[in-house]
Amino acid sequence: MNMPGLDGFETAARARMMGGRVASIPLIAMTADVLEDQIAAFRRAGFDGFLAKPLLPETMAEEIARFL
């Protein structure tokens, strides 16, 4: 979510505004901020899921599998 130049919220907004197939690509936020209000903000921003840091490989695999 915290990236230099363009954060995750702006990235999600731009992807969703593109329309077509790009707008339907599942977006998964990866962040250390996992409080309820932050998770709700991810959903409002257009994210389909989220991964909390520290990231465990099995958790990442499960979250990605939800969209395959």
PDB file of N, CA and C in Angstrom:
ATOM      1  N   MET A   1       0.810  -1.188   0.000  1.00  0.00           N
ATOM      2  CA  MET A   1       0.000   0.000   0.000  1.00  0.00           C
ATOM      3  C   MET A   1       0.855   1.254   0.000  1.00  0.00           C
ATOM      4  N   ASN A   2       1.951   1.206   0.716  1.00  0.00           N
ATOM      5  CA  ASN A   2       2.839   2.366   0.787  1.00  0.00           C
ATOM      6  C   ASN A   2       3.978   2.177  -0.197  1.00  0.00           C
ATOM      7  N   MET A   3       3.838   2.826  -1.345  1.00  0.00           N
ATOM      8  CA  MET A   3       4.849   2.717  -2.387  1.00  0.00           C
ATOM      9  C   MET A   3       5.301   4.123  -2.752  1.00  0.00           C
ATOM     10  N   PRO A   4       6.522   4.273  -3.197  1.00  0.00           N
ATOM     11  CA  PRO A   4       6.987   5.605  -3.596  1.00  0.00           C
ATOM     12  C   PRO A   4       6.297   6.071  -4.875  1.00  0.00           C
ATOM     13  N   GLY A   5       5.882   7.322  -4.874  1.00  0.00           N
ATOM     14  CA  GLY A   5       5.312   7.911  -6.086  1.00  0.00           C
ATOM     15  C   GLY A   5       3.830   7.688  -6.281  1.00  0.00           C
ATOM     16  N   LEU A   6       3.366   6.480  -6.084  1.00  0.00           N
ATOM     17  CA  LEU A   6       1.964   6.140  -6.324  1.00  0.00           C
ATOM     18  C   LEU A   6       1.563   5.082  -5.307  1.00  0.00           C
ATOM     19  N   ASP A   7       0.700   5.446  -4.368  1.00  0.00           N
ATOM     20  CA  ASP A   7       0.341   4.476  -3.326  1.00  0.00           C
ATOM     21  C   ASP A   7      -0.701   3.477  -3.829  1.00  0.00           C
ATOM     22  N   GLY A   8      -1.002   2.504  -3.008  1.00  0.00           N
ATOM     23  CA  GLY A   8      -1.940   1.457  -3.384  1.00  0.00           C
ATOM     24  C   GLY A   8      -3.341   1.955  -3.661  1.00  0.00           C
ATOM     25  N   PHE A   9      -3.786   2.976  -2.915  1.00  0.00           N
ATOM     26  CA  PHE A   9      -5.125   3.522  -3.127  1.00  0.00           C
ATOM     27  C   PHE A   9      -5.243   4.166  -4.504  1.00  0.00           C
ATOM     28  N   GLU A  10      -4.247   4.941  -4.885  1.00  0.00           N
ATOM     29  CA  GLU A  10      -4.269   5.583  -6.205  1.00  0.00           C
ATOM     30  C   GLU A  10      -4.119   4.538  -7.310  1.00  0.00           C
ATOM     31  N   THR A  11      -3.291   3.542  -7.084  1.00  0.00           N
ATOM     32  CA  THR A  11      -3.131   2.470  -8.072  1.00  0.00           C
ATOM     33  C   THR A  11      -4.457   1.756  -8.299  1.00  0.00           C
ATOM     34  N   ALA A  12      -5.169   1.430  -7.212  1.00  0.00           N
ATOM     35  CA  ALA A  12      -6.469   0.758  -7.333  1.00  0.00           C
ATOM     36  C   ALA A  12      -7.471   1.641  -8.069  1.00  0.00           C
ATOM     37  N   ALA A  13      -7.509   2.922  -7.725  1.00  0.00           N
ATOM     38  CA  ALA A  13      -8.446   3.838  -8.377  1.00  0.00           C
ATOM     39  C   ALA A  13      -8.186   3.905  -9.876  1.00  0.00           C
ATOM     40  N   ARG A  14      -6.927   4.005 -10.254  1.00  0.00           N
ATOM     41  CA  ARG A  14      -6.587   4.074 -11.675  1.00  0.00           C
ATOM     42  C   ARG A  14      -6.948   2.787 -12.407  1.00  0.00           C
ATOM     43  N   ALA A  15      -6.693   1.637 -11.773  1.00  0.00           N
ATOM     44  CA  ALA A  15      -7.022   0.351 -12.399  1.00  0.00           C
ATOM     45  C   ALA A  15      -8.527   0.226 -12.592  1.00  0.00           C
ATOM     46  N   ARG A  16      -9.309   0.608 -11.592  1.00  0.00           N
ATOM     47  CA  ARG A  16     -10.760   0.487 -11.686  1.00  0.00           C
ATOM     48  C   ARG A  16     -11.349   1.456 -12.704  1.00  0.00           C
ATOM     49  N   MET A  17     -10.732   2.614 -12.881  1.00  0.00           N
ATOM     50  CA  MET A  17     -11.225   3.610 -13.844  1.00  0.00           C
ATOM     51  C   MET A  17     -10.916   3.223 -15.287  1.00  0.00           C
ATOM     52  N   MET A  18      -9.983   2.305 -15.486  1.00  0.00           N
ATOM     53  CA  MET A  18      -9.589   1.936 -16.841  1.00  0.00           C
ATOM     54  C   MET A  18     -10.703   1.200 -17.578  1.00  0.00           C
ATOM     55  N   GLY A  19     -11.566   0.541 -16.826  1.00  0.00           N
ATOM     56  CA  GLY A  19     -12.646  -0.185 -17.455  1.00  0.00           C
ATOM     57  C   GLY A  19     -12.176  -1.481 -18.102  1.00  0.00           C
ATOM     58  N   GLY A  20     -13.096  -2.159 -18.722  1.00  0.00           N
ATOM     59  CA  GLY A  20     -12.783  -3.393 -19.435  1.00  0.00           C
ATOM     60  C   GLY A  20     -12.173  -4.465 -18.547  1.00  0.00           C
ATOM     61  N   ARG A  21     -11.325  -5.269 -19.144  1.00  0.00           N
ATOM     62  CA  ARG A  21     -10.712  -6.391 -18.426  1.00  0.00           C
ATOM     63  C   ARG A  21      -9.812  -5.930 -17.297  1.00  0.00           C
ATOM     64  N   VAL A  22      -9.127  -4.817 -17.469  1.00  0.00           N
ATOM     65  CA  VAL A  22      -8.224  -4.326 -16.425  1.00  0.00           C
ATOM     66  C   VAL A  22      -9.006  -4.028 -15.150  1.00  0.00           C
ATOM     67  N   ALA A  23     -10.182  -3.453 -15.282  1.00  0.00           N
ATOM     68  CA  ALA A  23     -10.988  -3.089 -14.111  1.00  0.00           C
ATOM     69  C   ALA A  23     -11.488  -4.310 -13.350  1.00  0.00           C
ATOM     70  N   SER A  24     -11.501  -5.462 -13.990  1.00  0.00           N
ATOM     71  CA  SER A  24     -12.009  -6.660 -13.322  1.00  0.00           C
ATOM     72  C   SER A  24     -10.907  -7.537 -12.726  1.00  0.00           C
ATOM     73  N   ILE A  25      -9.655  -7.141 -12.886  1.00  0.00           N
ATOM     74  CA  ILE A  25      -8.550  -7.899 -12.300  1.00  0.00           C
ATOM     75  C   ILE A  25      -8.636  -7.807 -10.778  1.00  0.00           C
ATOM     76  N   PRO A  26      -8.595  -8.923 -10.073  1.00  0.00           N
ATOM     77  CA  PRO A  26      -8.628  -8.865  -8.609  1.00  0.00           C
ATOM     78  C   PRO A  26      -7.414  -8.124  -8.051  1.00  0.00           C
ATOM     79  N   LEU A  27      -7.665  -7.225  -7.126  1.00  0.00           N
ATOM     80  CA  LEU A  27      -6.598  -6.475  -6.469  1.00  0.00           C
ATOM     81  C   LEU A  27      -6.505  -6.918  -5.017  1.00  0.00           C
ATOM     82  N   ILE A  28      -5.295  -7.244  -4.599  1.00  0.00           N
ATOM     83  CA  ILE A  28      -5.045  -7.671  -3.221  1.00  0.00           C
ATOM     84  C   ILE A  28      -4.045  -6.710  -2.598  1.00  0.00           C
ATOM     85  N   ALA A  29      -4.462  -6.044  -1.538  1.00  0.00           N
ATOM     86  CA  ALA A  29      -3.581  -5.117  -0.824  1.00  0.00           C
ATOM     87  C   ALA A  29      -2.632  -5.916   0.059  1.00  0.00           C
ATOM     88  N   MET A  30      -1.386  -5.480   0.126  1.00  0.00           N
ATOM     89  CA  MET A  30      -0.426  -6.086   1.044  1.00  0.00           C
ATOM     90  C   MET A  30       0.087  -4.972   1.952  1.00  0.00           C
ATOM     91  N   THR A  31      -0.132  -5.131   3.261  1.00  0.00           N
ATOM     92  CA  THR A  31       0.176  -4.057   4.186  1.00  0.00           C
ATOM     93  C   THR A  31       0.349  -4.567   5.614  1.00  0.00           C
ATOM     94  N   ALA A  32       0.953  -3.749   6.425  1.00  0.00           N
ATOM     95  CA  ALA A  32       1.036  -4.045   7.856  1.00  0.00           C
ATOM     96  C   ALA A  32      -0.136  -3.409   8.598  1.00  0.00           C
ATOM     97  N   ASP A  33      -0.922  -2.580   7.908  1.00  0.00           N
ATOM     98  CA  ASP A  33      -2.057  -1.882   8.517  1.00  0.00           C
ATOM     99  C   ASP A  33      -3.322  -2.724   8.374  1.00  0.00           C
ATOM    100  N   VAL A  34      -3.671  -3.464   9.402  1.00  0.00           N
ATOM    101  CA  VAL A  34      -4.804  -4.379   9.288  1.00  0.00           C
ATOM    102  C   VAL A  34      -5.882  -4.125  10.342  1.00  0.00           C
ATOM    103  N   LEU A  35      -6.024  -2.894  10.774  1.00  0.00           N
ATOM    104  CA  LEU A  35      -7.119  -2.558  11.672  1.00  0.00           C
ATOM    105  C   LEU A  35      -8.418  -2.533  10.869  1.00  0.00           C
ATOM    106  N   GLU A  36      -9.543  -2.742  11.545  1.00  0.00           N
ATOM    107  CA  GLU A  36     -10.834  -2.835  10.856  1.00  0.00           C
ATOM    108  C   GLU A  36     -11.115  -1.641   9.955  1.00  0.00           C
ATOM    109  N   ASP A  37     -10.852  -0.415  10.427  1.00  0.00           N
ATOM    110  CA  ASP A  37     -11.122   0.762   9.600  1.00  0.00           C
ATOM    111  C   ASP A  37     -10.214   0.810   8.376  1.00  0.00           C
ATOM    112  N   GLN A  38      -9.011   0.299   8.498  1.00  0.00           N
ATOM    113  CA  GLN A  38      -8.097   0.272   7.352  1.00  0.00           C
ATOM    114  C   GLN A  38      -8.538  -0.782   6.332  1.00  0.00           C
ATOM    115  N   ILE A  39      -8.992  -1.915   6.822  1.00  0.00           N
ATOM    116  CA  ILE A  39      -9.491  -2.961   5.925  1.00  0.00           C
ATOM    117  C   ILE A  39     -10.723  -2.448   5.172  1.00  0.00           C
ATOM    118  N   ALA A  40     -11.602  -1.734   5.872  1.00  0.00           N
ATOM    119  CA  ALA A  40     -12.783  -1.151   5.229  1.00  0.00           C
ATOM    120  C   ALA A  40     -12.361  -0.142   4.158  1.00  0.00           C
ATOM    121  N   ALA A  41     -11.318   0.628   4.419  1.00  0.00           N
ATOM    122  CA  ALA A  41     -10.817   1.593   3.435  1.00  0.00           C
ATOM    123  C   ALA A  41     -10.289   0.872   2.193  1.00  0.00           C
ATOM    124  N   PHE A  42      -9.650  -0.276   2.375  1.00  0.00           N
ATOM    125  CA  PHE A  42      -9.179  -1.056   1.227  1.00  0.00           C
ATOM    126  C   PHE A  42     -10.363  -1.480   0.366  1.00  0.00           C
ATOM    127  N   ARG A  43     -11.400  -1.975   1.009  1.00  0.00           N
ATOM    128  CA  ARG A  43     -12.593  -2.420   0.273  1.00  0.00           C
ATOM    129  C   ARG A  43     -13.229  -1.248  -0.490  1.00  0.00           C
ATOM    130  N   ARG A  44     -13.363  -0.108   0.177  1.00  0.00           N
ATOM    131  CA  ARG A  44     -13.946   1.073  -0.483  1.00  0.00           C
ATOM    132  C   ARG A  44     -13.092   1.526  -1.669  1.00  0.00           C
ATOM    133  N   ALA A  45     -11.795   1.320  -1.581  1.00  0.00           N
ATOM    134  CA  ALA A  45     -10.881   1.731  -2.648  1.00  0.00           C
ATOM    135  C   ALA A  45     -10.919   0.775  -3.838  1.00  0.00           C
ATOM    136  N   GLY A  46     -11.582  -0.358  -3.698  1.00  0.00           N
ATOM    137  CA  GLY A  46     -11.691  -1.290  -4.816  1.00  0.00           C
ATOM    138  C   GLY A  46     -10.860  -2.549  -4.699  1.00  0.00           C
ATOM    139  N   PHE A  47     -10.226  -2.751  -3.547  1.00  0.00           N
ATOM    140  CA  PHE A  47      -9.467  -3.983  -3.365  1.00  0.00           C
ATOM    141  C   PHE A  47     -10.410  -5.145  -3.079  1.00  0.00           C
ATOM    142  N   ASP A  48     -10.052  -6.311  -3.591  1.00  0.00           N
ATOM    143  CA  ASP A  48     -10.867  -7.512  -3.400  1.00  0.00           C
ATOM    144  C   ASP A  48     -10.431  -8.312  -2.181  1.00  0.00           C
ATOM    145  N   GLY A  49      -9.220  -8.112  -1.730  1.00  0.00           N
ATOM    146  CA  GLY A  49      -8.696  -8.837  -0.581  1.00  0.00           C
ATOM    147  C   GLY A  49      -7.486  -8.116  -0.036  1.00  0.00           C
ATOM    148  N   PHE A  50      -6.914  -8.675   1.012  1.00  0.00           N
ATOM    149  CA  PHE A  50      -5.708  -8.079   1.564  1.00  0.00           C
ATOM    150  C   PHE A  50      -4.853  -9.147   2.208  1.00  0.00           C
ATOM    151  N   LEU A  51      -3.567  -8.872   2.280  1.00  0.00           N
ATOM    152  CA  LEU A  51      -2.594  -9.725   2.946  1.00  0.00           C
ATOM    153  C   LEU A  51      -1.881  -8.891   3.993  1.00  0.00           C
ATOM    154  N   ALA A  52      -1.766  -9.445   5.186  1.00  0.00           N
ATOM    155  CA  ALA A  52      -1.105  -8.736   6.287  1.00  0.00           C
ATOM    156  C   ALA A  52       0.350  -9.163   6.391  1.00  0.00           C
ATOM    157  N   LYS A  53       1.194  -8.187   6.691  1.00  0.00           N
ATOM    158  CA  LYS A  53       2.596  -8.479   6.976  1.00  0.00           C
ATOM    159  C   LYS A  53       2.743  -8.795   8.448  1.00  0.00           C
ATOM    160  N   PRO A  54       3.618  -9.663   8.853  1.00  0.00           N
ATOM    161  CA  PRO A  54       4.543 -10.389   7.980  1.00  0.00           C
ATOM    162  C   PRO A  54       3.792 -11.416   7.146  1.00  0.00           C
ATOM    163  N   LEU A  55       4.161 -11.506   5.927  1.00  0.00           N
ATOM    164  CA  LEU A  55       3.489 -12.355   4.956  1.00  0.00           C
ATOM    165  C   LEU A  55       3.965 -13.797   5.070  1.00  0.00           C
ATOM    166  N   LEU A  56       3.005 -14.689   5.230  1.00  0.00           N
ATOM    167  CA  LEU A  56       3.307 -16.126   5.261  1.00  0.00           C
ATOM    168  C   LEU A  56       2.963 -16.723   3.895  1.00  0.00           C
ATOM    169  N   PRO A  57       3.833 -17.546   3.336  1.00  0.00           N
ATOM    170  CA  PRO A  57       3.582 -18.110   2.007  1.00  0.00           C
ATOM    171  C   PRO A  57       2.234 -18.828   1.889  1.00  0.00           C
ATOM    172  N   GLU A  58       1.850 -19.561   2.915  1.00  0.00           N
ATOM    173  CA  GLU A  58       0.581 -20.286   2.828  1.00  0.00           C
ATOM    174  C   GLU A  58      -0.612 -19.339   2.846  1.00  0.00           C
ATOM    175  N   THR A  59      -0.508 -18.237   3.563  1.00  0.00           N
ATOM    176  CA  THR A  59      -1.583 -17.249   3.581  1.00  0.00           C
ATOM    177  C   THR A  59      -1.705 -16.588   2.213  1.00  0.00           C
ATOM    178  N   MET A  60      -0.573 -16.256   1.607  1.00  0.00           N
ATOM    179  CA  MET A  60      -0.589 -15.657   0.281  1.00  0.00           C
ATOM    180  C   MET A  60      -1.201 -16.625  -0.732  1.00  0.00           C
ATOM    181  N   ALA A  61      -0.833 -17.878  -0.669  1.00  0.00           N
ATOM    182  CA  ALA A  61      -1.376 -18.877  -1.594  1.00  0.00           C
ATOM    183  C   ALA A  61      -2.886 -19.014  -1.430  1.00  0.00           C
ATOM    184  N   GLU A  62      -3.372 -19.014  -0.196  1.00  0.00           N
ATOM    185  CA  GLU A  62      -4.814 -19.113   0.050  1.00  0.00           C
ATOM    186  C   GLU A  62      -5.562 -17.910  -0.499  1.00  0.00           C
ATOM    187  N   GLU A  63      -5.026 -16.724  -0.293  1.00  0.00           N
ATOM    188  CA  GLU A  63      -5.698 -15.509  -0.767  1.00  0.00           C
ATOM    189  C   GLU A  63      -5.713 -15.455  -2.282  1.00  0.00           C
ATOM    190  N   ILE A  64      -4.618 -15.807  -2.921  1.00  0.00           N
ATOM    191  CA  ILE A  64      -4.577 -15.822  -4.380  1.00  0.00           C
ATOM    192  C   ILE A  64      -5.511 -16.894  -4.933  1.00  0.00           C
ATOM    193  N   ALA A  65      -5.587 -18.034  -4.277  1.00  0.00           N
ATOM    194  CA  ALA A  65      -6.450 -19.130  -4.735  1.00  0.00           C
ATOM    195  C   ALA A  65      -7.918 -18.729  -4.762  1.00  0.00           C
ATOM    196  N   ARG A  66      -8.308 -17.791  -3.920  1.00  0.00           N
ATOM    197  CA  ARG A  66      -9.713 -17.335  -3.911  1.00  0.00           C
ATOM    198  C   ARG A  66     -10.112 -16.735  -5.247  1.00  0.00           C
ATOM    199  N   PHE A  67      -9.150 -16.261  -6.038  1.00  0.00           N
ATOM    200  CA  PHE A  67      -9.453 -15.568  -7.269  1.00  0.00           C
ATOM    201  C   PHE A  67      -9.099 -16.363  -8.520  1.00  0.00           C
ATOM    202  N   LEU A  68      -8.632 -17.587  -8.352  1.00  0.00           N
ATOM    203  CA  LEU A  68      -8.280 -18.417  -9.514  1.00  0.00           C
ATOM    204  C   LEU A  68      -9.420 -19.308  -9.916  1.00  0.00           C
TER     205      LEU A  68
END
